Amino acid sequence: MKILLATQKPFAAAAVSGIREIVETAGHTLEIFKEYESQSELVAAVGDADAMIVRSDKVTAEVIAAAPRLKIVVRAGAGYDNIDLQAASERGVVVMNTPGQNANAVAELAIGLMIYMSRTQFTPATGSEIQGRTIGIQAFGNVGRLVGAKASALGMKVKAIDPFLDPARIAEGGAEPVEDLAALYSGCDFVSIHIPATPQTARSIGYELISKMPKGAVLVNTARKEVIDEEGLMKALEERPDLKYAADVAPDNYDQLRSRFGLRVFATPKKMGAQTSEANVNAGLAAARQIVDYFATGNNRFQVNR
């Protein structure tokens, strides 16, 4: 089988060598297609691929249609909104992610953003400490649990909500379960967002929730920009000069937010959550192992489409 490592944003050299070893030891062929400049180049590259490993690359319906041999796509990371799941399902292509491989990197960034905003983006202005504050975690999965553990170690009180977990499971993970989002936002000095971007979550966090946050609160988004209602965010920041917002991906109105609210708003230059050498290697190797295992045994444990 031919496995195409298609990454506009390249993997680290150690990840590539590890992926190659896994693939070739299993008797498959690896082709590397990186740093391409246009979507049309990706479409042209997939014609004889049986499998694909991607990062943030857009696996559109056009890409899938151009790959008649394609059987599986693995996104090296947790999010998979860059892949057209409906088109893949219609073609019988399995789509997987690699949950947990980037989790520590994202969790560390979330904590770092909280400290960065609390210390007024490391300017000479007087900041504040996070010890003794309450953090609310929206979605208590792989990343959320790690954020909670790190926050607890720093002396914070941890609350969490997750519609897919029983409150007892949240409590077992070291957080106080919260019954609804209104209670989470109104009762926490920091809220850390870890929900996926879906039709149900798109623009779900806006003025109504953000304006409920306590005085001096910080909203941290290391998930997807699409989950934020940007107009609602702007309205809340306008009405509440004590609130702050930090994100791992710049909102579409970032320049406007930055010019209007200055140090109360921050976004990383590009999505940085998984940008560590460790996460880069972990996710790439996991993707390769999942493809090899799928071809050998049919194991589809991490399939995200049906």
C-alpha atoms as a PDB file:
ATOM      1  CA  MET A   1       0.000   0.000   0.000  1.00  0.00           C
ATOM      2  CA  LYS A   2       1.138   3.540  -0.721  1.00  0.00           C
ATOM      3  CA  ILE A   3       0.841   5.932   2.213  1.00  0.00           C
ATOM      4  CA  LEU A   4       1.033   9.623   1.390  1.00  0.00           C
ATOM      5  CA  LEU A   5       2.394  11.908   4.098  1.00  0.00           C
ATOM      6  CA  ALA A   6       0.764  15.107   2.856  1.00  0.00           C
ATOM      7  CA  THR A   7       1.700  18.012   5.096  1.00  0.00           C
ATOM      8  CA  GLN A   8       1.800  21.627   4.048  1.00  0.00           C
ATOM      9  CA  LYS A   9       3.165  22.259   7.540  1.00  0.00           C
ATOM     10  CA  PRO A  10       5.984  19.691   7.728  1.00  0.00           C
ATOM     11  CA  PHE A  11       6.578  17.193  10.500  1.00  0.00           C
ATOM     12  CA  ALA A  12       9.832  17.282  12.422  1.00  0.00           C
ATOM     13  CA  ALA A  13      12.620  15.187  10.926  1.00  0.00           C
ATOM     14  CA  ALA A  14      12.424  12.728  13.830  1.00  0.00           C
ATOM     15  CA  ALA A  15       8.723  12.229  13.161  1.00  0.00           C
ATOM     16  CA  VAL A  16       9.278  11.614   9.450  1.00  0.00           C
ATOM     17  CA  SER A  17      12.001   9.045  10.076  1.00  0.00           C
ATOM     18  CA  GLY A  18       9.834   7.277  12.645  1.00  0.00           C
ATOM     19  CA  ILE A  19       6.827   7.246  10.319  1.00  0.00           C
ATOM     20  CA  ARG A  20       8.971   5.834   7.527  1.00  0.00           C
ATOM     21  CA  GLU A  21      10.297   3.060   9.756  1.00  0.00           C
ATOM     22  CA  ILE A  22       6.781   2.054  10.862  1.00  0.00           C
ATOM     23  CA  VAL A  23       5.393   2.106   7.333  1.00  0.00           C
ATOM     24  CA  GLU A  24       8.261   0.344   5.588  1.00  0.00           C
ATOM     25  CA  THR A  25       8.720  -2.284   8.303  1.00  0.00           C
ATOM     26  CA  ALA A  26       5.094  -3.248   7.682  1.00  0.00           C
ATOM     27  CA  GLY A  27       5.809  -3.632   3.971  1.00  0.00           C
ATOM     28  CA  HIS A  28       4.177  -0.448   2.738  1.00  0.00           C
ATOM     29  CA  THR A  29       5.547   2.498   0.754  1.00  0.00           C
ATOM     30  CA  LEU A  30       5.799   6.042   2.089  1.00  0.00           C
ATOM     31  CA  GLU A  31       5.685   9.110  -0.127  1.00  0.00           C
ATOM     32  CA  ILE A  32       6.283  12.548   1.350  1.00  0.00           C
ATOM     33  CA  PHE A  33       4.457  15.532  -0.098  1.00  0.00           C
ATOM     34  CA  LYS A  34       5.193  18.670   1.902  1.00  0.00           C
ATOM     35  CA  GLU A  35       5.233  22.458   1.771  1.00  0.00           C
ATOM     36  CA  TYR A  36       2.975  22.603  -1.264  1.00  0.00           C
ATOM     37  CA  GLU A  37       1.511  25.981  -2.141  1.00  0.00           C
ATOM     38  CA  SER A  38      -1.976  25.303  -3.482  1.00  0.00           C
ATOM     39  CA  GLN A  39      -4.892  22.940  -2.953  1.00  0.00           C
ATOM     40  CA  SER A  40      -4.688  21.914  -6.609  1.00  0.00           C
ATOM     41  CA  GLU A  41      -1.225  20.478  -5.950  1.00  0.00           C
ATOM     42  CA  LEU A  42      -2.655  18.242  -3.232  1.00  0.00           C
ATOM     43  CA  VAL A  43      -5.444  17.106  -5.554  1.00  0.00           C
ATOM     44  CA  ALA A  44      -2.837  16.148  -8.153  1.00  0.00           C
ATOM     45  CA  ALA A  45      -0.708  14.255  -5.612  1.00  0.00           C
ATOM     46  CA  VAL A  46      -3.294  11.820  -4.243  1.00  0.00           C
ATOM     47  CA  GLY A  47      -4.122   9.833  -7.385  1.00  0.00           C
ATOM     48  CA  ASP A  48      -2.390   6.584  -6.370  1.00  0.00           C
ATOM     49  CA  ALA A  49      -2.533   6.916  -2.586  1.00  0.00           C
ATOM     50  CA  ASP A  50      -4.086   4.109  -0.537  1.00  0.00           C
ATOM     51  CA  ALA A  51      -3.778   6.087   2.702  1.00  0.00           C
ATOM     52  CA  MET A  52      -3.019   9.634   3.821  1.00  0.00           C
ATOM     53  CA  ILE A  53      -1.512  11.187   6.908  1.00  0.00           C
ATOM     54  CA  VAL A  54      -2.331  14.895   7.225  1.00  0.00           C
ATOM     55  CA  ARG A  55      -2.072  17.678   9.762  1.00  0.00           C
ATOM     56  CA  SER A  56      -4.099  20.820   8.997  1.00  0.00           C
ATOM     57  CA  ASP A  57      -4.270  19.992   5.304  1.00  0.00           C
ATOM     58  CA  LYS A  58      -7.746  20.256   3.769  1.00  0.00           C
ATOM     59  CA  VAL A  59      -8.982  16.873   2.606  1.00  0.00           C
ATOM     60  CA  THR A  60     -11.942  18.124   0.623  1.00  0.00           C
ATOM     61  CA  ALA A  61     -14.476  16.258  -1.491  1.00  0.00           C
ATOM     62  CA  GLU A  62     -12.315  17.151  -4.490  1.00  0.00           C
ATOM     63  CA  VAL A  63      -9.249  15.560  -2.906  1.00  0.00           C
ATOM     64  CA  ILE A  64     -11.189  12.401  -2.048  1.00  0.00           C
ATOM     65  CA  ALA A  65     -12.661  12.183  -5.550  1.00  0.00           C
ATOM     66  CA  ALA A  66      -9.157  12.429  -7.028  1.00  0.00           C
ATOM     67  CA  ALA A  67      -7.947   9.421  -4.990  1.00  0.00           C
ATOM     68  CA  PRO A  68      -9.791   6.319  -6.269  1.00  0.00           C
ATOM     69  CA  ARG A  69      -7.570   3.951  -4.246  1.00  0.00           C
ATOM     70  CA  LEU A  70      -7.903   5.861  -0.993  1.00  0.00           C
ATOM     71  CA  LYS A  71      -9.023   3.732   1.945  1.00  0.00           C
ATOM     72  CA  ILE A  72      -8.046   5.681   5.057  1.00  0.00           C
ATOM     73  CA  VAL A  73      -7.092   9.215   6.120  1.00  0.00           C
ATOM     74  CA  VAL A  74      -5.568   9.855   9.529  1.00  0.00           C
ATOM     75  CA  ARG A  75      -5.393  13.352  10.924  1.00  0.00           C
ATOM     76  CA  ALA A  76      -2.292  13.631  13.105  1.00  0.00           C
ATOM     77  CA  GLY A  77      -4.016  15.485  15.903  1.00  0.00           C
ATOM     78  CA  ALA A  78      -7.341  15.635  17.686  1.00  0.00           C
ATOM     79  CA  GLY A  79      -9.393  17.987  15.525  1.00  0.00           C
ATOM     80  CA  TYR A  80     -10.611  16.798  12.126  1.00  0.00           C
ATOM     81  CA  ASP A  81     -12.756  19.629  10.804  1.00  0.00           C
ATOM     82  CA  ASN A  82     -10.301  19.988   7.925  1.00  0.00           C
ATOM     83  CA  ILE A  83     -11.574  16.700   6.456  1.00  0.00           C
ATOM     84  CA  ASP A  84     -14.865  16.358   4.573  1.00  0.00           C
ATOM     85  CA  LEU A  85     -16.354  13.491   6.570  1.00  0.00           C
ATOM     86  CA  GLN A  86     -19.481  13.214   4.444  1.00  0.00           C
ATOM     87  CA  ALA A  87     -17.493  12.875   1.225  1.00  0.00           C
ATOM     88  CA  ALA A  88     -15.228  10.311   2.869  1.00  0.00           C
ATOM     89  CA  SER A  89     -18.165   8.268   4.157  1.00  0.00           C
ATOM     90  CA  GLU A  90     -19.874   8.304   0.777  1.00  0.00           C
ATOM     91  CA  ARG A  91     -16.701   6.880  -0.753  1.00  0.00           C
ATOM     92  CA  GLY A  92     -16.190   4.353   2.047  1.00  0.00           C
ATOM     93  CA  VAL A  93     -12.992   6.051   3.213  1.00  0.00           C
ATOM     94  CA  VAL A  94     -12.215   5.654   6.922  1.00  0.00           C
ATOM     95  CA  VAL A  95     -11.205   8.850   8.717  1.00  0.00           C
ATOM     96  CA  MET A  96      -9.373   8.705  12.046  1.00  0.00           C
ATOM     97  CA  ASN A  97      -7.750  11.168  14.388  1.00  0.00           C
ATOM     98  CA  THR A  98      -5.023  10.578  16.981  1.00  0.00           C
ATOM     99  CA  PRO A  99      -6.656  11.669  20.251  1.00  0.00           C
ATOM    100  CA  GLY A 100      -4.409  12.456  23.173  1.00  0.00           C
ATOM    101  CA  GLN A 101      -1.138  12.716  21.275  1.00  0.00           C
ATOM    102  CA  ASN A 102      -1.130  16.534  21.326  1.00  0.00           C
ATOM    103  CA  ALA A 103      -3.017  16.850  24.601  1.00  0.00           C
ATOM    104  CA  ASN A 104      -0.145  17.814  26.894  1.00  0.00           C
ATOM    105  CA  ALA A 105       1.169  20.399  24.458  1.00  0.00           C
ATOM    106  CA  VAL A 106      -2.246  22.066  24.204  1.00  0.00           C
ATOM    107  CA  ALA A 107      -2.801  21.907  27.953  1.00  0.00           C
ATOM    108  CA  GLU A 108       0.539  23.567  28.661  1.00  0.00           C
ATOM    109  CA  LEU A 109      -0.284  26.311  26.173  1.00  0.00           C
ATOM    110  CA  ALA A 110      -3.671  26.914  27.809  1.00  0.00           C
ATOM    111  CA  ILE A 111      -2.018  27.365  31.206  1.00  0.00           C
ATOM    112  CA  GLY A 112       0.656  29.566  29.632  1.00  0.00           C
ATOM    113  CA  LEU A 113      -1.973  31.820  28.076  1.00  0.00           C
ATOM    114  CA  MET A 114      -3.706  32.184  31.440  1.00  0.00           C
ATOM    115  CA  ILE A 115      -0.479  33.307  33.079  1.00  0.00           C
ATOM    116  CA  TYR A 116       0.406  35.544  30.123  1.00  0.00           C
ATOM    117  CA  MET A 117      -2.911  37.368  30.288  1.00  0.00           C
ATOM    118  CA  SER A 118      -2.867  37.570  34.086  1.00  0.00           C
ATOM    119  CA  ARG A 119       0.555  39.229  33.905  1.00  0.00           C
ATOM    120  CA  THR A 120      -0.672  41.760  31.327  1.00  0.00           C
ATOM    121  CA  GLN A 121       1.191  40.061  28.477  1.00  0.00           C
ATOM    122  CA  PHE A 122       4.472  40.437  30.377  1.00  0.00           C
ATOM    123  CA  THR A 123       4.491  44.221  30.151  1.00  0.00           C
ATOM    124  CA  PRO A 124       5.681  46.321  33.127  1.00  0.00           C
ATOM    125  CA  ALA A 125       2.084  46.808  34.289  1.00  0.00           C
ATOM    126  CA  THR A 126       1.042  45.169  37.551  1.00  0.00           C
ATOM    127  CA  GLY A 127      -0.497  41.763  36.961  1.00  0.00           C
ATOM    128  CA  SER A 128      -2.142  39.143  39.118  1.00  0.00           C
ATOM    129  CA  GLU A 129      -1.521  35.544  40.174  1.00  0.00           C
ATOM    130  CA  ILE A 130      -3.598  32.531  39.208  1.00  0.00           C
ATOM    131  CA  GLN A 131      -3.173  30.707  42.508  1.00  0.00           C
ATOM    132  CA  GLY A 132      -6.412  30.693  44.442  1.00  0.00           C
ATOM    133  CA  ARG A 133      -8.498  31.465  41.348  1.00  0.00           C
ATOM    134  CA  THR A 134     -11.183  29.213  39.899  1.00  0.00           C
ATOM    135  CA  ILE A 135     -10.857  27.712  36.434  1.00  0.00           C
ATOM    136  CA  GLY A 136     -13.782  26.329  34.471  1.00  0.00           C
ATOM    137  CA  ILE A 137     -13.042  23.734  31.812  1.00  0.00           C
ATOM    138  CA  GLN A 138     -15.507  23.413  28.960  1.00  0.00           C
ATOM    139  CA  ALA A 139     -15.137  19.784  27.768  1.00  0.00           C
ATOM    140  CA  PHE A 140     -13.252  17.404  30.053  1.00  0.00           C
ATOM    141  CA  GLY A 141     -11.543  15.140  27.538  1.00  0.00           C
ATOM    142  CA  ASN A 142      -7.840  14.419  27.068  1.00  0.00           C
ATOM    143  CA  VAL A 143      -6.829  18.092  27.013  1.00  0.00           C
ATOM    144  CA  GLY A 144      -9.351  19.299  29.567  1.00  0.00           C
ATOM    145  CA  ARG A 145      -8.289  16.762  32.177  1.00  0.00           C
ATOM    146  CA  LEU A 146      -4.646  17.743  31.770  1.00  0.00           C
ATOM    147  CA  VAL A 147      -5.492  21.440  32.034  1.00  0.00           C
ATOM    148  CA  GLY A 148      -7.375  20.657  35.233  1.00  0.00           C
ATOM    149  CA  ALA A 149      -4.503  18.690  36.712  1.00  0.00           C
ATOM    150  CA  LYS A 150      -1.965  21.402  35.926  1.00  0.00           C
ATOM    151  CA  ALA A 151      -4.260  24.133  37.230  1.00  0.00           C
ATOM    152  CA  SER A 152      -4.835  22.202  40.453  1.00  0.00           C
ATOM    153  CA  ALA A 153      -1.084  21.794  40.905  1.00  0.00           C
ATOM    154  CA  LEU A 154      -0.785  25.572  40.643  1.00  0.00           C
ATOM    155  CA  GLY A 155      -3.273  26.041  43.445  1.00  0.00           C
ATOM    156  CA  MET A 156      -6.408  26.713  41.420  1.00  0.00           C
ATOM    157  CA  LYS A 157      -9.892  25.410  42.088  1.00  0.00           C
ATOM    158  CA  VAL A 158     -11.127  23.369  39.128  1.00  0.00           C
ATOM    159  CA  LYS A 159     -14.664  23.116  37.783  1.00  0.00           C
ATOM    160  CA  ALA A 160     -15.715  21.375  34.575  1.00  0.00           C
ATOM    161  CA  ILE A 161     -18.618  20.508  32.324  1.00  0.00           C
ATOM    162  CA  ASP A 162     -18.877  17.880  29.617  1.00  0.00           C
ATOM    163  CA  PRO A 163     -22.191  16.699  28.123  1.00  0.00           C
ATOM    164  CA  PHE A 164     -20.660  13.335  27.274  1.00  0.00           C
ATOM    165  CA  LEU A 165     -19.463  12.518  30.797  1.00  0.00           C
ATOM    166  CA  ASP A 166     -21.341  11.677  33.951  1.00  0.00           C
ATOM    167  CA  PRO A 167     -20.669  14.147  36.777  1.00  0.00           C
ATOM    168  CA  ALA A 168     -19.085  11.289  38.715  1.00  0.00           C
ATOM    169  CA  ARG A 169     -16.484  10.830  35.966  1.00  0.00           C
ATOM    170  CA  ILE A 170     -15.679  14.532  36.081  1.00  0.00           C
ATOM    171  CA  ALA A 171     -15.283  14.352  39.845  1.00  0.00           C
ATOM    172  CA  GLU A 172     -12.996  11.329  39.486  1.00  0.00           C
ATOM    173  CA  GLY A 173     -10.861  13.465  37.175  1.00  0.00           C
ATOM    174  CA  GLY A 174     -10.311  15.996  39.934  1.00  0.00           C
ATOM    175  CA  ALA A 175     -12.845  18.658  38.979  1.00  0.00           C
ATOM    176  CA  GLU A 176     -16.096  19.853  40.476  1.00  0.00           C
ATOM    177  CA  PRO A 177     -18.929  19.084  38.026  1.00  0.00           C
ATOM    178  CA  VAL A 178     -21.034  22.060  36.935  1.00  0.00           C
ATOM    179  CA  GLU A 179     -24.609  21.583  35.801  1.00  0.00           C
ATOM    180  CA  ASP A 180     -24.736  24.057  32.909  1.00  0.00           C
ATOM    181  CA  LEU A 181     -22.635  26.517  30.912  1.00  0.00           C
ATOM    182  CA  ALA A 182     -24.171  29.545  32.561  1.00  0.00           C
ATOM    183  CA  ALA A 183     -22.965  28.287  35.947  1.00  0.00           C
ATOM    184  CA  LEU A 184     -19.509  27.530  34.545  1.00  0.00           C
ATOM    185  CA  TYR A 185     -19.023  30.974  33.010  1.00  0.00           C
ATOM    186  CA  SER A 186     -20.537  32.909  35.892  1.00  0.00           C
ATOM    187  CA  GLY A 187     -18.606  31.008  38.553  1.00  0.00           C
ATOM    188  CA  CYS A 188     -15.057  30.933  37.170  1.00  0.00           C
ATOM    189  CA  ASP A 189     -12.234  33.463  36.929  1.00  0.00           C
ATOM    190  CA  PHE A 190     -10.854  31.602  33.921  1.00  0.00           C
ATOM    191  CA  VAL A 191     -12.698  29.489  31.384  1.00  0.00           C
ATOM    192  CA  SER A 192     -10.669  27.186  29.140  1.00  0.00           C
ATOM    193  CA  ILE A 193     -12.464  25.985  25.990  1.00  0.00           C
ATOM    194  CA  HIS A 194     -11.796  22.497  24.595  1.00  0.00           C
ATOM    195  CA  ILE A 195     -14.862  21.723  22.474  1.00  0.00           C
ATOM    196  CA  PRO A 196     -14.641  20.634  18.820  1.00  0.00           C
ATOM    197  CA  ALA A 197     -15.936  22.762  15.958  1.00  0.00           C
ATOM    198  CA  THR A 198     -19.210  21.198  14.814  1.00  0.00           C
ATOM    199  CA  PRO A 199     -22.463  22.592  13.430  1.00  0.00           C
ATOM    200  CA  GLN A 200     -23.799  22.403  16.992  1.00  0.00           C
ATOM    201  CA  THR A 201     -20.885  24.276  18.600  1.00  0.00           C
ATOM    202  CA  ALA A 202     -20.216  26.884  15.897  1.00  0.00           C
ATOM    203  CA  ARG A 203     -20.613  30.409  17.346  1.00  0.00           C
ATOM    204  CA  SER A 204     -22.008  28.866  20.524  1.00  0.00           C
ATOM    205  CA  ILE A 205     -19.854  30.984  22.848  1.00  0.00           C
ATOM    206  CA  GLY A 206     -20.879  34.592  22.626  1.00  0.00           C
ATOM    207  CA  TYR A 207     -22.164  37.612  24.475  1.00  0.00           C
ATOM    208  CA  GLU A 208     -24.664  35.785  26.675  1.00  0.00           C
ATOM    209  CA  LEU A 209     -22.043  33.490  28.205  1.00  0.00           C
ATOM    210  CA  ILE A 210     -19.002  35.775  28.155  1.00  0.00           C
ATOM    211  CA  SER A 211     -20.846  38.672  29.800  1.00  0.00           C
ATOM    212  CA  LYS A 212     -21.695  36.392  32.748  1.00  0.00           C
ATOM    213  CA  MET A 213     -18.026  35.986  33.706  1.00  0.00           C
ATOM    214  CA  PRO A 214     -16.824  37.488  37.010  1.00  0.00           C
ATOM    215  CA  LYS A 215     -14.918  40.752  37.207  1.00  0.00           C
ATOM    216  CA  GLY A 216     -11.392  40.413  35.789  1.00  0.00           C
ATOM    217  CA  ALA A 217     -12.100  37.044  34.164  1.00  0.00           C
ATOM    218  CA  VAL A 218     -10.104  35.597  31.279  1.00  0.00           C
ATOM    219  CA  LEU A 219     -11.539  33.438  28.490  1.00  0.00           C
ATOM    220  CA  VAL A 220      -8.950  31.132  26.894  1.00  0.00           C
ATOM    221  CA  ASN A 221      -9.669  29.349  23.617  1.00  0.00           C
ATOM    222  CA  THR A 222      -7.217  26.680  22.474  1.00  0.00           C
ATOM    223  CA  ALA A 223      -9.933  24.909  20.489  1.00  0.00           C
ATOM    224  CA  ARG A 224     -11.208  26.398  17.206  1.00  0.00           C
ATOM    225  CA  LYS A 225     -12.023  29.995  16.340  1.00  0.00           C
ATOM    226  CA  GLU A 226     -15.352  28.882  14.861  1.00  0.00           C
ATOM    227  CA  VAL A 227     -16.813  28.138  18.303  1.00  0.00           C
ATOM    228  CA  ILE A 228     -16.685  31.845  19.197  1.00  0.00           C
ATOM    229  CA  ASP A 229     -19.374  34.323  18.178  1.00  0.00           C
ATOM    230  CA  GLU A 230     -16.937  37.112  17.365  1.00  0.00           C
ATOM    231  CA  GLU A 231     -19.538  39.865  17.332  1.00  0.00           C
ATOM    232  CA  GLY A 232     -20.742  38.733  20.754  1.00  0.00           C
ATOM    233  CA  LEU A 233     -17.161  38.614  22.024  1.00  0.00           C
ATOM    234  CA  MET A 234     -16.586  42.176  20.860  1.00  0.00           C
ATOM    235  CA  LYS A 235     -19.795  43.376  22.490  1.00  0.00           C
ATOM    236  CA  ALA A 236     -18.874  41.726  25.794  1.00  0.00           C
ATOM    237  CA  LEU A 237     -15.376  43.217  25.766  1.00  0.00           C
ATOM    238  CA  GLU A 238     -16.821  46.621  24.900  1.00  0.00           C
ATOM    239  CA  GLU A 239     -19.274  46.575  27.790  1.00  0.00           C
ATOM    240  CA  ARG A 240     -16.908  44.911  30.267  1.00  0.00           C
ATOM    241  CA  PRO A 241     -13.484  46.638  30.301  1.00  0.00           C
ATOM    242  CA  ASP A 242     -12.328  44.130  32.934  1.00  0.00           C
ATOM    243  CA  LEU A 243     -12.614  41.040  30.697  1.00  0.00           C
ATOM    244  CA  LYS A 244      -9.804  39.486  28.654  1.00  0.00           C
ATOM    245  CA  TYR A 245      -9.645  37.002  25.767  1.00  0.00           C
ATOM    246  CA  ALA A 246      -6.731  34.837  24.608  1.00  0.00           C
ATOM    247  CA  ALA A 247      -6.798  32.383  21.725  1.00  0.00           C
ATOM    248  CA  ASP A 248      -4.598  29.858  19.973  1.00  0.00           C
ATOM    249  CA  VAL A 249      -5.996  30.962  16.641  1.00  0.00           C
ATOM    250  CA  ALA A 250      -6.752  34.557  15.733  1.00  0.00           C
ATOM    251  CA  PRO A 251     -10.416  35.455  15.284  1.00  0.00           C
ATOM    252  CA  ASP A 252     -11.357  36.947  11.943  1.00  0.00           C
ATOM    253  CA  ASN A 253     -11.791  40.349  13.596  1.00  0.00           C
ATOM    254  CA  TYR A 254      -8.513  40.133  15.514  1.00  0.00           C
ATOM    255  CA  ASP A 255      -7.029  43.377  14.174  1.00  0.00           C
ATOM    256  CA  GLN A 256     -10.171  45.220  15.179  1.00  0.00           C
ATOM    257  CA  LEU A 257     -10.202  43.595  18.622  1.00  0.00           C
ATOM    258  CA  ARG A 258      -6.532  44.322  19.168  1.00  0.00           C
ATOM    259  CA  SER A 259      -6.785  47.955  18.131  1.00  0.00           C
ATOM    260  CA  ARG A 260      -9.851  48.522  20.291  1.00  0.00           C
ATOM    261  CA  PHE A 261      -8.937  46.510  23.392  1.00  0.00           C
ATOM    262  CA  GLY A 262      -5.128  46.367  23.320  1.00  0.00           C
ATOM    263  CA  LEU A 263      -3.563  44.111  25.937  1.00  0.00           C
ATOM    264  CA  ARG A 264      -6.938  42.654  26.876  1.00  0.00           C
ATOM    265  CA  VAL A 265      -6.827  40.519  23.720  1.00  0.00           C
ATOM    266  CA  PHE A 266      -4.154  38.149  22.414  1.00  0.00           C
ATOM    267  CA  ALA A 267      -3.885  35.482  19.735  1.00  0.00           C
ATOM    268  CA  THR A 268      -0.877  33.376  18.780  1.00  0.00           C
ATOM    269  CA  PRO A 269       0.599  34.100  15.322  1.00  0.00           C
ATOM    270  CA  LYS A 270      -0.530  30.662  14.131  1.00  0.00           C
ATOM    271  CA  LYS A 271      -2.160  27.692  15.816  1.00  0.00           C
ATOM    272  CA  MET A 272       0.494  26.717  18.355  1.00  0.00           C
ATOM    273  CA  GLY A 273      -1.235  24.101  20.508  1.00  0.00           C
ATOM    274  CA  ALA A 274       0.484  21.114  18.918  1.00  0.00           C
ATOM    275  CA  GLN A 275       3.654  22.962  17.934  1.00  0.00           C
ATOM    276  CA  THR A 276       6.086  21.126  20.154  1.00  0.00           C
ATOM    277  CA  SER A 277       8.647  18.611  19.015  1.00  0.00           C
ATOM    278  CA  GLU A 278       7.165  16.013  21.341  1.00  0.00           C
ATOM    279  CA  ALA A 279       3.597  16.418  20.082  1.00  0.00           C
ATOM    280  CA  ASN A 280       4.808  16.522  16.502  1.00  0.00           C
ATOM    281  CA  VAL A 281       6.519  13.163  16.855  1.00  0.00           C
ATOM    282  CA  ASN A 282       3.794  11.551  18.981  1.00  0.00           C
ATOM    283  CA  ALA A 283       0.959  12.401  16.595  1.00  0.00           C
ATOM    284  CA  GLY A 284       2.875  11.398  13.472  1.00  0.00           C
ATOM    285  CA  LEU A 285       3.923   8.026  14.841  1.00  0.00           C
ATOM    286  CA  ALA A 286       0.426   7.342  16.139  1.00  0.00           C
ATOM    287  CA  ALA A 287      -1.038   8.110  12.706  1.00  0.00           C
ATOM    288  CA  ALA A 288       1.386   5.716  11.013  1.00  0.00           C
ATOM    289  CA  ARG A 289       0.681   2.935  13.519  1.00  0.00           C
ATOM    290  CA  GLN A 290      -3.073   3.353  13.102  1.00  0.00           C
ATOM    291  CA  ILE A 291      -2.850   3.038   9.324  1.00  0.00           C
ATOM    292  CA  VAL A 292      -0.597  -0.012   9.496  1.00  0.00           C
ATOM    293  CA  ASP A 293      -2.881  -1.636  12.058  1.00  0.00           C
ATOM    294  CA  TYR A 294      -5.966  -0.867  10.000  1.00  0.00           C
ATOM    295  CA  PHE A 295      -4.482  -2.523   6.912  1.00  0.00           C
ATOM    296  CA  ALA A 296      -3.322  -5.509   8.968  1.00  0.00           C
ATOM    297  CA  THR A 297      -6.326  -6.117  11.219  1.00  0.00           C
ATOM    298  CA  GLY A 298      -9.118  -3.725  10.254  1.00  0.00           C
ATOM    299  CA  ASN A 299      -8.833  -1.938  13.611  1.00  0.00           C
ATOM    300  CA  ASN A 300     -10.882   1.265  13.326  1.00  0.00           C
ATOM    301  CA  ARG A 301     -10.922   2.264  16.989  1.00  0.00           C
ATOM    302  CA  PHE A 302     -10.375   5.968  16.327  1.00  0.00           C
ATOM    303  CA  GLN A 303     -12.672   6.281  13.315  1.00  0.00           C
ATOM    304  CA  VAL A 304     -14.616   9.564  13.379  1.00  0.00           C
ATOM    305  CA  ASN A 305     -16.921   8.971  10.407  1.00  0.00           C
ATOM    306  CA  ARG A 306     -19.381   6.176   9.719  1.00  0.00           C
END
